[in-house]
């Protein structure tokens, strides 16, 4: 999965291959954007241990 970076000066974004060097913009290194919450591994802040991890109900159970 590629890494996404954003320039803190002009807000331009760049996508680079994982492990590539950090791109530069406006004379400075760009900052890496955080992963989307759906792509991050579970951690205590977003884990729901009391809920079953089952697919959504599509209301076709009785068919």
PDB file of N, CA and C in Angstrom:
ATOM      1  N   UNK A   1       0.844  -1.173   0.000  1.00  0.00           N
ATOM      2  CA  UNK A   1       0.000   0.000   0.000  1.00  0.00           C
ATOM      3  C   UNK A   1       0.893   1.242   0.000  1.00  0.00           C
ATOM      4  N   UNK A   2       0.640   2.195  -0.874  1.00  0.00           N
ATOM      5  CA  UNK A   2       1.478   3.391  -0.951  1.00  0.00           C
ATOM      6  C   UNK A   2       1.255   4.331   0.233  1.00  0.00           C
ATOM      7  N   UNK A   3       2.271   5.147   0.505  1.00  0.00           N
ATOM      8  CA  UNK A   3       2.179   6.154   1.556  1.00  0.00           C
ATOM      9  C   UNK A   3       1.730   7.469   0.938  1.00  0.00           C
ATOM     10  N   UNK A   4       0.924   8.228   1.681  1.00  0.00           N
ATOM     11  CA  UNK A   4       0.451   9.526   1.210  1.00  0.00           C
ATOM     12  C   UNK A   4       1.068  10.622   2.068  1.00  0.00           C
ATOM     13  N   UNK A   5       1.502  11.681   1.395  1.00  0.00           N
ATOM     14  CA  UNK A   5       2.153  12.809   2.065  1.00  0.00           C
ATOM     15  C   UNK A   5       1.467  14.103   1.665  1.00  0.00           C
ATOM     16  N   UNK A   6       1.581  15.121   2.550  1.00  0.00           N
ATOM     17  CA  UNK A   6       0.993  16.424   2.285  1.00  0.00           C
ATOM     18  C   UNK A   6       1.994  17.514   2.651  1.00  0.00           C
ATOM     19  N   UNK A   7       2.074  18.519   1.797  1.00  0.00           N
ATOM     20  CA  UNK A   7       2.911  19.692   2.072  1.00  0.00           C
ATOM     21  C   UNK A   7       2.177  20.563   3.086  1.00  0.00           C
ATOM     22  N   UNK A   8       2.867  20.954   4.139  1.00  0.00           N
ATOM     23  CA  UNK A   8       2.246  21.775   5.168  1.00  0.00           C
ATOM     24  C   UNK A   8       2.134  23.240   4.764  1.00  0.00           C
ATOM     25  N   UNK A   9       2.819  23.636   3.688  1.00  0.00           N
ATOM     26  CA  UNK A   9       2.762  25.015   3.214  1.00  0.00           C
ATOM     27  C   UNK A   9       1.640  25.218   2.199  1.00  0.00           C
ATOM     28  N   UNK A  10       1.647  24.403   1.110  1.00  0.00           N
ATOM     29  CA  UNK A  10       0.679  24.625   0.034  1.00  0.00           C
ATOM     30  C   UNK A  10      -0.432  23.563  -0.012  1.00  0.00           C
ATOM     31  N   UNK A  11      -0.362  22.557   0.861  1.00  0.00           N
ATOM     32  CA  UNK A  11      -1.376  21.488   0.978  1.00  0.00           C
ATOM     33  C   UNK A  11      -1.415  20.544  -0.225  1.00  0.00           C
ATOM     34  N   UNK A  12      -0.371  20.568  -1.077  1.00  0.00           N
ATOM     35  CA  UNK A  12      -0.291  19.613  -2.184  1.00  0.00           C
ATOM     36  C   UNK A  12      -0.040  18.225  -1.618  1.00  0.00           C
ATOM     37  N   UNK A  13      -0.626  17.202  -2.231  1.00  0.00           N
ATOM     38  CA  UNK A  13      -0.429  15.840  -1.758  1.00  0.00           C
ATOM     39  C   UNK A  13       0.367  15.042  -2.772  1.00  0.00           C
ATOM     40  N   UNK A  14       1.021  13.989  -2.279  1.00  0.00           N
ATOM     41  CA  UNK A  14       1.801  13.101  -3.129  1.00  0.00           C
ATOM     42  C   UNK A  14       1.656  11.677  -2.597  1.00  0.00           C
ATOM     43  N   UNK A  15       1.636  10.721  -3.506  1.00  0.00           N
ATOM     44  CA  UNK A  15       1.579   9.314  -3.150  1.00  0.00           C
ATOM     45  C   UNK A  15       2.851   8.650  -3.650  1.00  0.00           C
ATOM     46  N   UNK A  16       3.537   7.955  -2.752  1.00  0.00           N
ATOM     47  CA  UNK A  16       4.788   7.286  -3.115  1.00  0.00           C
ATOM     48  C   UNK A  16       4.729   5.828  -2.673  1.00  0.00           C
ATOM     49  N   UNK A  17       5.580   4.997  -3.293  1.00  0.00           N
ATOM     50  CA  UNK A  17       5.642   3.590  -2.923  1.00  0.00           C
ATOM     51  C   UNK A  17       6.155   3.443  -1.498  1.00  0.00           C
ATOM     52  N   UNK A  18       5.680   2.392  -0.829  1.00  0.00           N
ATOM     53  CA  UNK A  18       6.117   2.112   0.534  1.00  0.00           C
ATOM     54  C   UNK A  18       7.635   1.947   0.553  1.00  0.00           C
ATOM     55  N   UNK A  19       8.307   2.619   1.458  1.00  0.00           N
ATOM     56  CA  UNK A  19       9.754   2.524   1.589  1.00  0.00           C
ATOM     57  C   UNK A  19      10.529   3.527   0.754  1.00  0.00           C
ATOM     58  N   UNK A  20       9.852   4.289  -0.103  1.00  0.00           N
ATOM     59  CA  UNK A  20      10.529   5.310  -0.917  1.00  0.00           C
ATOM     60  C   UNK A  20      10.893   6.502  -0.034  1.00  0.00           C
ATOM     61  N   UNK A  21      11.751   7.368  -0.544  1.00  0.00           N
ATOM     62  CA  UNK A  21      12.141   8.542   0.225  1.00  0.00           C
ATOM     63  C   UNK A  21      10.972   9.514   0.347  1.00  0.00           C
ATOM     64  N   UNK A  22      10.996  10.288   1.415  1.00  0.00           N
ATOM     65  CA  UNK A  22       9.932  11.270   1.668  1.00  0.00           C
ATOM     66  C   UNK A  22      10.052  12.387   0.635  1.00  0.00           C
ATOM     67  N   UNK A  23       8.955  12.713  -0.059  1.00  0.00           N
ATOM     68  CA  UNK A  23       9.024  13.771  -1.068  1.00  0.00           C
ATOM     69  C   UNK A  23       9.185  15.153  -0.443  1.00  0.00           C
ATOM     70  N   UNK A  24       9.733  16.079  -1.242  1.00  0.00           N
ATOM     71  CA  UNK A  24       9.899  17.466  -0.811  1.00  0.00           C
ATOM     72  C   UNK A  24       8.954  18.359  -1.603  1.00  0.00           C
ATOM     73  N   UNK A  25       8.505  19.438  -0.970  1.00  0.00           N
ATOM     74  CA  UNK A  25       7.666  20.439  -1.617  1.00  0.00           C
ATOM     75  C   UNK A  25       7.916  21.760  -0.896  1.00  0.00           C
ATOM     76  N   UNK A  26       7.949  22.821  -1.626  1.00  0.00           N
ATOM     77  CA  UNK A  26       8.176  24.160  -1.055  1.00  0.00           C
ATOM     78  C   UNK A  26       9.463  24.197  -0.229  1.00  0.00           C
ATOM     79  N   UNK A  27      10.460  23.398  -0.613  1.00  0.00           N
ATOM     80  CA  UNK A  27      11.753  23.399   0.064  1.00  0.00           C
ATOM     81  C   UNK A  27      11.804  22.615   1.361  1.00  0.00           C
ATOM     82  N   UNK A  28      10.725  21.914   1.729  1.00  0.00           N
ATOM     83  CA  UNK A  28      10.676  21.155   2.980  1.00  0.00           C
ATOM     84  C   UNK A  28      10.187  19.735   2.701  1.00  0.00           C
ATOM     85  N   UNK A  29      10.484  18.826   3.633  1.00  0.00           N
ATOM     86  CA  UNK A  29       9.954  17.471   3.522  1.00  0.00           C
ATOM     87  C   UNK A  29       8.450  17.492   3.794  1.00  0.00           C
ATOM     88  N   UNK A  30       7.717  16.713   3.030  1.00  0.00           N
ATOM     89  CA  UNK A  30       6.269  16.617   3.225  1.00  0.00           C
ATOM     90  C   UNK A  30       5.988  15.727   4.435  1.00  0.00           C
ATOM     91  N   UNK A  31       4.845  15.917   5.074  1.00  0.00           N
ATOM     92  CA  UNK A  31       4.466  15.110   6.236  1.00  0.00           C
ATOM     93  C   UNK A  31       3.518  14.004   5.799  1.00  0.00           C
ATOM     94  N   UNK A  32       3.706  12.823   6.407  1.00  0.00           N
ATOM     95  CA  UNK A  32       2.870  11.679   6.056  1.00  0.00           C
ATOM     96  C   UNK A  32       1.466  11.862   6.626  1.00  0.00           C
ATOM     97  N   UNK A  33       0.461  11.575   5.794  1.00  0.00           N
ATOM     98  CA  UNK A  33      -0.929  11.655   6.228  1.00  0.00           C
ATOM     99  C   UNK A  33      -1.270  10.403   7.026  1.00  0.00           C
ATOM    100  N   UNK A  34      -2.124  10.524   8.040  1.00  0.00           N
ATOM    101  CA  UNK A  34      -2.504   9.350   8.821  1.00  0.00           C
ATOM    102  C   UNK A  34      -3.353   8.396   7.985  1.00  0.00           C
ATOM    103  N   UNK A  35      -3.319   7.115   8.343  1.00  0.00           N
ATOM    104  CA  UNK A  35      -4.133   6.113   7.663  1.00  0.00           C
ATOM    105  C   UNK A  35      -5.603   6.338   7.960  1.00  0.00           C
ATOM    106  N   UNK A  36      -6.432   5.977   7.018  1.00  0.00           N
ATOM    107  CA  UNK A  36      -7.868   5.988   7.232  1.00  0.00           C
ATOM    108  C   UNK A  36      -8.168   5.032   8.382  1.00  0.00           C
ATOM    109  N   UNK A  37      -9.114   5.347   9.248  1.00  0.00           N
ATOM    110  CA  UNK A  37      -9.415   4.522  10.422  1.00  0.00           C
ATOM    111  C   UNK A  37      -9.785   3.092  10.030  1.00  0.00           C
ATOM    112  N   UNK A  38     -10.356   2.915   8.851  1.00  0.00           N
ATOM    113  CA  UNK A  38     -10.729   1.570   8.411  1.00  0.00           C
ATOM    114  C   UNK A  38      -9.511   0.734   8.031  1.00  0.00           C
ATOM    115  N   UNK A  39      -8.395   1.370   7.746  1.00  0.00           N
ATOM    116  CA  UNK A  39      -7.185   0.656   7.355  1.00  0.00           C
ATOM    117  C   UNK A  39      -6.229   0.434   8.519  1.00  0.00           C
ATOM    118  N   UNK A  40      -6.461   1.097   9.647  1.00  0.00           N
ATOM    119  CA  UNK A  40      -5.584   0.949  10.796  1.00  0.00           C
ATOM    120  C   UNK A  40      -5.887  -0.346  11.533  1.00  0.00           C
ATOM    121  N   UNK A  41      -4.889  -0.960  12.141  1.00  0.00           N
ATOM    122  CA  UNK A  41      -5.154  -2.139  12.959  1.00  0.00           C
ATOM    123  C   UNK A  41      -5.976  -1.759  14.185  1.00  0.00           C
ATOM    124  N   UNK A  42      -6.717  -2.710  14.724  1.00  0.00           N
ATOM    125  CA  UNK A  42      -7.523  -2.436  15.919  1.00  0.00           C
ATOM    126  C   UNK A  42      -6.634  -2.050  17.090  1.00  0.00           C
ATOM    127  N   UNK A  43      -7.097  -1.099  17.872  1.00  0.00           N
ATOM    128  CA  UNK A  43      -6.437  -0.726  19.111  1.00  0.00           C
ATOM    129  C   UNK A  43      -7.524  -0.304  20.089  1.00  0.00           C
ATOM    130  N   UNK A  44      -7.232  -0.139  21.360  1.00  0.00           N
ATOM    131  CA  UNK A  44      -8.264   0.121  22.361  1.00  0.00           C
ATOM    132  C   UNK A  44      -9.188   1.293  22.059  1.00  0.00           C
ATOM    133  N   UNK A  45      -8.725   2.270  21.305  1.00  0.00           N
ATOM    134  CA  UNK A  45      -9.565   3.431  21.019  1.00  0.00           C
ATOM    135  C   UNK A  45     -10.719   3.114  20.075  1.00  0.00           C
ATOM    136  N   UNK A  46     -10.562   2.125  19.178  1.00  0.00           N
ATOM    137  CA  UNK A  46     -11.640   1.850  18.238  1.00  0.00           C
ATOM    138  C   UNK A  46     -12.110   0.405  18.262  1.00  0.00           C
ATOM    139  N   UNK A  47     -11.592  -0.417  19.158  1.00  0.00           N
ATOM    140  CA  UNK A  47     -12.022  -1.814  19.254  1.00  0.00           C
ATOM    141  C   UNK A  47     -13.365  -1.886  19.976  1.00  0.00           C
ATOM    142  N   UNK A  48     -14.173  -2.843  19.574  1.00  0.00           N
ATOM    143  CA  UNK A  48     -15.479  -3.051  20.205  1.00  0.00           C
ATOM    144  C   UNK A  48     -15.568  -4.510  20.658  1.00  0.00           C
ATOM    145  N   UNK A  49     -14.993  -4.833  21.803  1.00  0.00           N
ATOM    146  CA  UNK A  49     -14.931  -6.232  22.216  1.00  0.00           C
ATOM    147  C   UNK A  49     -16.286  -6.848  22.553  1.00  0.00           C
ATOM    148  N   UNK A  50     -17.297  -6.042  22.806  1.00  0.00           N
ATOM    149  CA  UNK A  50     -18.606  -6.583  23.181  1.00  0.00           C
ATOM    150  C   UNK A  50     -19.466  -6.936  21.972  1.00  0.00           C
ATOM    151  N   UNK A  51     -19.075  -6.524  20.776  1.00  0.00           N
ATOM    152  CA  UNK A  51     -19.862  -6.796  19.579  1.00  0.00           C
ATOM    153  C   UNK A  51     -19.268  -7.956  18.796  1.00  0.00           C
ATOM    154  N   UNK A  52     -20.136  -8.771  18.214  1.00  0.00           N
ATOM    155  CA  UNK A  52     -19.677  -9.840  17.349  1.00  0.00           C
ATOM    156  C   UNK A  52     -19.227  -9.248  16.027  1.00  0.00           C
ATOM    157  N   UNK A  53     -18.172  -9.810  15.477  1.00  0.00           N
ATOM    158  CA  UNK A  53     -17.672  -9.363  14.178  1.00  0.00           C
ATOM    159  C   UNK A  53     -18.329 -10.204  13.089  1.00  0.00           C
ATOM    160  N   UNK A  54     -19.565  -9.901  12.774  1.00  0.00           N
ATOM    161  CA  UNK A  54     -20.305 -10.616  11.752  1.00  0.00           C
ATOM    162  C   UNK A  54     -20.668  -9.655  10.628  1.00  0.00           C
ATOM    163  N   UNK A  55     -20.958 -10.193   9.428  1.00  0.00           N
ATOM    164  CA  UNK A  55     -21.346  -9.312   8.329  1.00  0.00           C
ATOM    165  C   UNK A  55     -22.657  -8.587   8.641  1.00  0.00           C
ATOM    166  N   UNK A  56     -22.876  -7.484   7.947  1.00  0.00           N
ATOM    167  CA  UNK A  56     -24.108  -6.716   8.121  1.00  0.00           C
ATOM    168  C   UNK A  56     -25.317  -7.544   7.700  1.00  0.00           C
ATOM    169  N   UNK A  57     -26.452  -7.302   8.361  1.00  0.00           N
ATOM    170  CA  UNK A  57     -27.689  -7.982   8.024  1.00  0.00           C
ATOM    171  C   UNK A  57     -28.277  -7.350   6.767  1.00  0.00           C
ATOM    172  N   UNK A  58     -28.418  -8.149   5.705  1.00  0.00           N
ATOM    173  CA  UNK A  58     -28.974  -7.619   4.461  1.00  0.00           C
ATOM    174  C   UNK A  58     -30.448  -7.999   4.291  1.00  0.00           C
ATOM    175  N   UNK A  59     -31.068  -8.475   5.365  1.00  0.00           N
ATOM    176  CA  UNK A  59     -32.491  -8.776   5.431  1.00  0.00           C
ATOM    177  C   UNK A  59     -32.936  -9.875   4.468  1.00  0.00           C
ATOM    178  N   UNK A  60     -32.035 -10.804   4.122  1.00  0.00           N
ATOM    179  CA  UNK A  60     -32.399 -11.924   3.253  1.00  0.00           C
ATOM    180  C   UNK A  60     -32.481 -13.233   4.042  1.00  0.00           C
ATOM    181  N   UNK A  61     -32.538 -13.191   5.344  1.00  0.00           N
ATOM    182  CA  UNK A  61     -32.515 -14.391   6.171  1.00  0.00           C
ATOM    183  C   UNK A  61     -33.696 -15.314   5.917  1.00  0.00           C
ATOM    184  N   UNK A  62     -34.874 -14.787   5.655  1.00  0.00           N
ATOM    185  CA  UNK A  62     -36.070 -15.610   5.484  1.00  0.00           C
ATOM    186  C   UNK A  62     -36.320 -16.058   4.065  1.00  0.00           C
ATOM    187  N   UNK A  63     -35.468 -15.716   3.138  1.00  0.00           N
ATOM    188  CA  UNK A  63     -35.712 -16.037   1.722  1.00  0.00           C
ATOM    189  C   UNK A  63     -35.156 -17.383   1.387  1.00  0.00           C
TER     190      UNK A  63
END
